[in-house]
Amino acid sequence: MPSEKTCPDCEEPLEEMELQGTDALGTLSVVSDGSSDGFLGGLSADEILTPVPYVCPECRRTLIYAE
């Protein structure tokens, strides 16, 4: 994946944002339960990805990447 993320609609560079108010601890993570054969199915329980939101300054589309 390229280091600079671009909007799939208008191809403008996306701006990284910060998640707020996700839970009592202020954290949000993506974890696979191991039963899926899909995209996250290959992750083990010790591999936790952090969702990072990106917003297009032009069209305001918001995308969340698991990094």
PDB file of N, CA and C in Angstrom:
ATOM      1  N   MET A   1       0.849  -1.170   0.000  1.00  0.00           N
ATOM      2  CA  MET A   1       0.000   0.000   0.000  1.00  0.00           C
ATOM      3  C   MET A   1       0.899   1.238   0.000  1.00  0.00           C
ATOM      4  N   PRO A   2       0.596   2.242  -0.823  1.00  0.00           N
ATOM      5  CA  PRO A   2       1.421   3.444  -0.859  1.00  0.00           C
ATOM      6  C   PRO A   2       1.404   4.155   0.485  1.00  0.00           C
ATOM      7  N   SER A   3       2.520   4.881   0.767  1.00  0.00           N
ATOM      8  CA  SER A   3       2.612   5.562   2.057  1.00  0.00           C
ATOM      9  C   SER A   3       1.608   6.712   2.157  1.00  0.00           C
ATOM     10  N   GLU A   4       1.323   7.385   1.039  1.00  0.00           N
ATOM     11  CA  GLU A   4       0.321   8.448   1.061  1.00  0.00           C
ATOM     12  C   GLU A   4      -1.000   7.876   0.557  1.00  0.00           C
ATOM     13  N   LYS A   5      -2.001   7.909   1.413  1.00  0.00           N
ATOM     14  CA  LYS A   5      -3.312   7.367   1.044  1.00  0.00           C
ATOM     15  C   LYS A   5      -4.097   8.436   0.289  1.00  0.00           C
ATOM     16  N   THR A   6      -4.807   7.999  -0.752  1.00  0.00           N
ATOM     17  CA  THR A   6      -5.606   8.931  -1.543  1.00  0.00           C
ATOM     18  C   THR A   6      -7.071   8.500  -1.545  1.00  0.00           C
ATOM     19  N   CYS A   7      -7.953   9.463  -1.732  1.00  0.00           N
ATOM     20  CA  CYS A   7      -9.392   9.212  -1.757  1.00  0.00           C
ATOM     21  C   CYS A   7      -9.750   8.395  -3.003  1.00  0.00           C
ATOM     22  N   PRO A   8     -10.511   7.325  -2.850  1.00  0.00           N
ATOM     23  CA  PRO A   8     -10.906   6.526  -4.010  1.00  0.00           C
ATOM     24  C   PRO A   8     -11.923   7.247  -4.908  1.00  0.00           C
ATOM     25  N   ASP A   9     -12.582   8.294  -4.383  1.00  0.00           N
ATOM     26  CA  ASP A   9     -13.565   9.037  -5.174  1.00  0.00           C
ATOM     27  C   ASP A   9     -12.943  10.165  -5.986  1.00  0.00           C
ATOM     28  N   CYS A  10     -12.138  11.015  -5.318  1.00  0.00           N
ATOM     29  CA  CYS A  10     -11.624  12.203  -6.011  1.00  0.00           C
ATOM     30  C   CYS A  10     -10.102  12.237  -6.098  1.00  0.00           C
ATOM     31  N   GLU A  11      -9.424  11.213  -5.571  1.00  0.00           N
ATOM     32  CA  GLU A  11      -7.977  11.042  -5.642  1.00  0.00           C
ATOM     33  C   GLU A  11      -7.173  12.136  -4.936  1.00  0.00           C
ATOM     34  N   GLU A  12      -7.807  12.861  -4.010  1.00  0.00           N
ATOM     35  CA  GLU A  12      -7.092  13.837  -3.188  1.00  0.00           C
ATOM     36  C   GLU A  12      -6.349  13.093  -2.076  1.00  0.00           C
ATOM     37  N   PRO A  13      -5.212  13.618  -1.600  1.00  0.00           N
ATOM     38  CA  PRO A  13      -4.538  12.987  -0.459  1.00  0.00           C
ATOM     39  C   PRO A  13      -5.417  13.042   0.786  1.00  0.00           C
ATOM     40  N   LEU A  14      -5.465  11.936   1.526  1.00  0.00           N
ATOM     41  CA  LEU A  14      -6.270  11.860   2.741  1.00  0.00           C
ATOM     42  C   LEU A  14      -5.495  12.430   3.924  1.00  0.00           C
ATOM     43  N   GLU A  15      -6.230  13.006   4.877  1.00  0.00           N
ATOM     44  CA  GLU A  15      -5.633  13.525   6.094  1.00  0.00           C
ATOM     45  C   GLU A  15      -5.906  12.554   7.229  1.00  0.00           C
ATOM     46  N   GLU A  16      -4.847  12.168   7.969  1.00  0.00           N
ATOM     47  CA  GLU A  16      -5.019  11.268   9.103  1.00  0.00           C
ATOM     48  C   GLU A  16      -5.694  12.012  10.245  1.00  0.00           C
ATOM     49  N   MET A  17      -6.660  11.359  10.870  1.00  0.00           N
ATOM     50  CA  MET A  17      -7.393  11.941  11.991  1.00  0.00           C
ATOM     51  C   MET A  17      -7.180  11.077  13.229  1.00  0.00           C
ATOM     52  N   GLU A  18      -7.827  11.428  14.325  1.00  0.00           N
ATOM     53  CA  GLU A  18      -7.702  10.702  15.580  1.00  0.00           C
ATOM     54  C   GLU A  18      -9.082  10.306  16.081  1.00  0.00           C
ATOM     55  N   LEU A  19      -9.235   9.044  16.511  1.00  0.00           N
ATOM     56  CA  LEU A  19     -10.499   8.584  17.089  1.00  0.00           C
ATOM     57  C   LEU A  19     -10.639   9.130  18.504  1.00  0.00           C
ATOM     58  N   GLN A  20     -11.855   9.495  18.881  1.00  0.00           N
ATOM     59  CA  GLN A  20     -12.109   9.969  20.241  1.00  0.00           C
ATOM     60  C   GLN A  20     -13.367   9.324  20.790  1.00  0.00           C
ATOM     61  N   GLY A  21     -13.420   9.152  22.106  1.00  0.00           N
ATOM     62  CA  GLY A  21     -14.620   8.654  22.767  1.00  0.00           C
ATOM     63  C   GLY A  21     -15.020   7.249  22.386  1.00  0.00           C
ATOM     64  N   THR A  22     -14.070   6.334  22.254  1.00  0.00           N
ATOM     65  CA  THR A  22     -14.386   4.995  21.796  1.00  0.00           C
ATOM     66  C   THR A  22     -14.836   4.046  22.900  1.00  0.00           C
ATOM     67  N   ASP A  23     -14.278   4.162  24.098  1.00  0.00           N
ATOM     68  CA  ASP A  23     -14.704   3.352  25.242  1.00  0.00           C
ATOM     69  C   ASP A  23     -14.163   3.969  26.524  1.00  0.00           C
ATOM     70  N   ALA A  24     -14.361   3.314  27.651  1.00  0.00           N
ATOM     71  CA  ALA A  24     -13.935   3.859  28.940  1.00  0.00           C
ATOM     72  C   ALA A  24     -12.419   4.066  28.997  1.00  0.00           C
ATOM     73  N   LEU A  25     -11.666   3.242  28.290  1.00  0.00           N
ATOM     74  CA  LEU A  25     -10.215   3.372  28.286  1.00  0.00           C
ATOM     75  C   LEU A  25      -9.708   4.273  27.163  1.00  0.00           C
ATOM     76  N   GLY A  26     -10.604   4.645  26.252  1.00  0.00           N
ATOM     77  CA  GLY A  26     -10.207   5.511  25.141  1.00  0.00           C
ATOM     78  C   GLY A  26      -9.466   4.791  24.030  1.00  0.00           C
ATOM     79  N   THR A  27      -9.609   3.466  23.966  1.00  0.00           N
ATOM     80  CA  THR A  27      -8.913   2.717  22.929  1.00  0.00           C
ATOM     81  C   THR A  27      -9.900   1.929  22.082  1.00  0.00           C
ATOM     82  N   LEU A  28      -9.514   1.685  20.857  1.00  0.00           N
ATOM     83  CA  LEU A  28     -10.295   0.884  19.927  1.00  0.00           C
ATOM     84  C   LEU A  28      -9.298   0.033  19.161  1.00  0.00           C
ATOM     85  N   SER A  29      -9.602  -1.247  18.998  1.00  0.00           N
ATOM     86  CA  SER A  29      -8.699  -2.123  18.272  1.00  0.00           C
ATOM     87  C   SER A  29      -9.492  -3.113  17.443  1.00  0.00           C
ATOM     88  N   VAL A  30      -8.807  -3.704  16.460  1.00  0.00           N
ATOM     89  CA  VAL A  30      -9.404  -4.708  15.587  1.00  0.00           C
ATOM     90  C   VAL A  30      -8.683  -6.022  15.869  1.00  0.00           C
ATOM     91  N   VAL A  31      -9.449  -7.048  16.279  1.00  0.00           N
ATOM     92  CA  VAL A  31      -8.862  -8.343  16.619  1.00  0.00           C
ATOM     93  C   VAL A  31      -9.667  -9.429  15.939  1.00  0.00           C
ATOM     94  N   SER A  32      -8.996 -10.383  15.346  1.00  0.00           N
ATOM     95  CA  SER A  32      -9.665 -11.519  14.724  1.00  0.00           C
ATOM     96  C   SER A  32      -9.868 -12.605  15.767  1.00  0.00           C
ATOM     97  N   ASP A  33     -11.029 -13.285  15.711  1.00  0.00           N
ATOM     98  CA  ASP A  33     -11.254 -14.398  16.635  1.00  0.00           C
ATOM     99  C   ASP A  33     -10.671 -15.703  16.089  1.00  0.00           C
ATOM    100  N   GLY A  34     -10.054 -15.648  14.919  1.00  0.00           N
ATOM    101  CA  GLY A  34      -9.391 -16.819  14.352  1.00  0.00           C
ATOM    102  C   GLY A  34     -10.300 -17.763  13.603  1.00  0.00           C
ATOM    103  N   SER A  35     -11.620 -17.565  13.670  1.00  0.00           N
ATOM    104  CA  SER A  35     -12.540 -18.479  13.012  1.00  0.00           C
ATOM    105  C   SER A  35     -12.851 -18.068  11.576  1.00  0.00           C
ATOM    106  N   SER A  36     -12.377 -16.919  11.161  1.00  0.00           N
ATOM    107  CA  SER A  36     -12.683 -16.403   9.835  1.00  0.00           C
ATOM    108  C   SER A  36     -11.574 -16.739   8.852  1.00  0.00           C
ATOM    109  N   ASP A  37     -11.952 -17.014   7.626  1.00  0.00           N
ATOM    110  CA  ASP A  37     -10.975 -17.227   6.565  1.00  0.00           C
ATOM    111  C   ASP A  37     -10.784 -15.955   5.749  1.00  0.00           C
ATOM    112  N   GLY A  38     -11.444 -14.873   6.132  1.00  0.00           N
ATOM    113  CA  GLY A  38     -11.391 -13.619   5.393  1.00  0.00           C
ATOM    114  C   GLY A  38     -10.104 -12.858   5.631  1.00  0.00           C
ATOM    115  N   PHE A  39     -10.161 -11.572   5.384  1.00  0.00           N
ATOM    116  CA  PHE A  39      -8.996 -10.684   5.462  1.00  0.00           C
ATOM    117  C   PHE A  39      -8.270 -10.781   6.803  1.00  0.00           C
ATOM    118  N   LEU A  40      -9.007 -10.751   7.911  1.00  0.00           N
ATOM    119  CA  LEU A  40      -8.391 -10.797   9.232  1.00  0.00           C
ATOM    120  C   LEU A  40      -8.225 -12.211   9.767  1.00  0.00           C
ATOM    121  N   GLY A  41      -8.611 -13.216   9.005  1.00  0.00           N
ATOM    122  CA  GLY A  41      -8.542 -14.596   9.454  1.00  0.00           C
ATOM    123  C   GLY A  41      -7.142 -15.086   9.724  1.00  0.00           C
ATOM    124  N   GLY A  42      -6.137 -14.493   9.086  1.00  0.00           N
ATOM    125  CA  GLY A  42      -4.760 -14.915   9.291  1.00  0.00           C
ATOM    126  C   GLY A  42      -4.108 -14.309  10.515  1.00  0.00           C
ATOM    127  N   LEU A  43      -4.791 -13.409  11.201  1.00  0.00           N
ATOM    128  CA  LEU A  43      -4.222 -12.799  12.397  1.00  0.00           C
ATOM    129  C   LEU A  43      -4.338 -13.734  13.585  1.00  0.00           C
ATOM    130  N   SER A  44      -3.317 -13.753  14.413  1.00  0.00           N
ATOM    131  CA  SER A  44      -3.419 -14.499  15.661  1.00  0.00           C
ATOM    132  C   SER A  44      -3.881 -13.549  16.757  1.00  0.00           C
ATOM    133  N   ALA A  45      -4.234 -14.078  17.914  1.00  0.00           N
ATOM    134  CA  ALA A  45      -4.781 -13.269  18.998  1.00  0.00           C
ATOM    135  C   ALA A  45      -3.809 -12.201  19.474  1.00  0.00           C
ATOM    136  N   ASP A  46      -2.495 -12.412  19.285  1.00  0.00           N
ATOM    137  CA  ASP A  46      -1.536 -11.408  19.748  1.00  0.00           C
ATOM    138  C   ASP A  46      -1.281 -10.322  18.702  1.00  0.00           C
ATOM    139  N   GLU A  47      -1.919 -10.402  17.562  1.00  0.00           N
ATOM    140  CA  GLU A  47      -1.793  -9.377  16.538  1.00  0.00           C
ATOM    141  C   GLU A  47      -3.030  -8.484  16.578  1.00  0.00           C
ATOM    142  N   ILE A  48      -2.866  -7.331  17.171  1.00  0.00           N
ATOM    143  CA  ILE A  48      -3.959  -6.385  17.320  1.00  0.00           C
ATOM    144  C   ILE A  48      -3.681  -5.182  16.436  1.00  0.00           C
ATOM    145  N   LEU A  49      -4.645  -4.835  15.599  1.00  0.00           N
ATOM    146  CA  LEU A  49      -4.504  -3.690  14.714  1.00  0.00           C
ATOM    147  C   LEU A  49      -5.286  -2.511  15.267  1.00  0.00           C
ATOM    148  N   THR A  50      -4.743  -1.329  15.091  1.00  0.00           N
ATOM    149  CA  THR A  50      -5.405  -0.118  15.561  1.00  0.00           C
ATOM    150  C   THR A  50      -6.102   0.567  14.390  1.00  0.00           C
ATOM    151  N   PRO A  51      -7.404   0.837  14.499  1.00  0.00           N
ATOM    152  CA  PRO A  51      -8.104   1.560  13.441  1.00  0.00           C
ATOM    153  C   PRO A  51      -7.646   3.025  13.404  1.00  0.00           C
ATOM    154  N   VAL A  52      -7.299   3.487  12.212  1.00  0.00           N
ATOM    155  CA  VAL A  52      -6.861   4.870  12.035  1.00  0.00           C
ATOM    156  C   VAL A  52      -7.762   5.515  10.982  1.00  0.00           C
ATOM    157  N   PRO A  53      -8.507   6.559  11.363  1.00  0.00           N
ATOM    158  CA  PRO A  53      -9.392   7.213  10.396  1.00  0.00           C
ATOM    159  C   PRO A  53      -8.637   8.213   9.521  1.00  0.00           C
ATOM    160  N   TYR A  54      -9.035   8.258   8.265  1.00  0.00           N
ATOM    161  CA  TYR A  54      -8.511   9.242   7.310  1.00  0.00           C
ATOM    162  C   TYR A  54      -9.704   9.933   6.669  1.00  0.00           C
ATOM    163  N   VAL A  55      -9.592  11.237   6.450  1.00  0.00           N
ATOM    164  CA  VAL A  55     -10.680  12.016   5.865  1.00  0.00           C
ATOM    165  C   VAL A  55     -10.167  12.746   4.633  1.00  0.00           C
ATOM    166  N   CYS A  56     -10.988  12.756   3.597  1.00  0.00           N
ATOM    167  CA  CYS A  56     -10.666  13.505   2.385  1.00  0.00           C
ATOM    168  C   CYS A  56     -11.072  14.968   2.607  1.00  0.00           C
ATOM    169  N   PRO A  57     -10.145  15.907   2.467  1.00  0.00           N
ATOM    170  CA  PRO A  57     -10.490  17.311   2.677  1.00  0.00           C
ATOM    171  C   PRO A  57     -11.399  17.865   1.583  1.00  0.00           C
ATOM    172  N   GLU A  58     -11.438  17.203   0.437  1.00  0.00           N
ATOM    173  CA  GLU A  58     -12.243  17.682  -0.690  1.00  0.00           C
ATOM    174  C   GLU A  58     -13.699  17.226  -0.597  1.00  0.00           C
ATOM    175  N   CYS A  59     -13.927  15.911  -0.511  1.00  0.00           N
ATOM    176  CA  CYS A  59     -15.296  15.385  -0.536  1.00  0.00           C
ATOM    177  C   CYS A  59     -15.787  14.920   0.839  1.00  0.00           C
ATOM    178  N   ARG A  60     -14.915  14.964   1.858  1.00  0.00           N
ATOM    179  CA  ARG A  60     -15.243  14.615   3.247  1.00  0.00           C
ATOM    180  C   ARG A  60     -15.493  13.126   3.467  1.00  0.00           C
ATOM    181  N   ARG A  61     -15.129  12.288   2.510  1.00  0.00           N
ATOM    182  CA  ARG A  61     -15.261  10.842   2.698  1.00  0.00           C
ATOM    183  C   ARG A  61     -14.312  10.409   3.806  1.00  0.00           C
ATOM    184  N   THR A  62     -14.789   9.531   4.686  1.00  0.00           N
ATOM    185  CA  THR A  62     -13.974   9.034   5.787  1.00  0.00           C
ATOM    186  C   THR A  62     -13.718   7.548   5.588  1.00  0.00           C
ATOM    187  N   LEU A  63     -12.453   7.160   5.690  1.00  0.00           N
ATOM    188  CA  LEU A  63     -12.055   5.768   5.569  1.00  0.00           C
ATOM    189  C   LEU A  63     -11.286   5.383   6.823  1.00  0.00           C
ATOM    190  N   ILE A  64     -11.489   4.167   7.311  1.00  0.00           N
ATOM    191  CA  ILE A  64     -10.786   3.706   8.498  1.00  0.00           C
ATOM    192  C   ILE A  64      -9.906   2.530   8.085  1.00  0.00           C
ATOM    193  N   TYR A  65      -8.592   2.687   8.306  1.00  0.00           N
ATOM    194  CA  TYR A  65      -7.624   1.656   7.978  1.00  0.00           C
ATOM    195  C   TYR A  65      -7.178   0.973   9.260  1.00  0.00           C
ATOM    196  N   ALA A  66      -7.017  -0.340   9.249  1.00  0.00           N
ATOM    197  CA  ALA A  66      -6.472  -1.078  10.379  1.00  0.00           C
ATOM    198  C   ALA A  66      -4.972  -1.149  10.182  1.00  0.00           C
ATOM    199  N   GLU A  67      -4.246  -0.456  11.043  1.00  0.00           N
ATOM    200  CA  GLU A  67      -2.782  -0.376  10.901  1.00  0.00           C
ATOM    201  C   GLU A  67      -2.087  -0.989  12.086  1.00  0.00           C
TER     202      GLU A  67
END
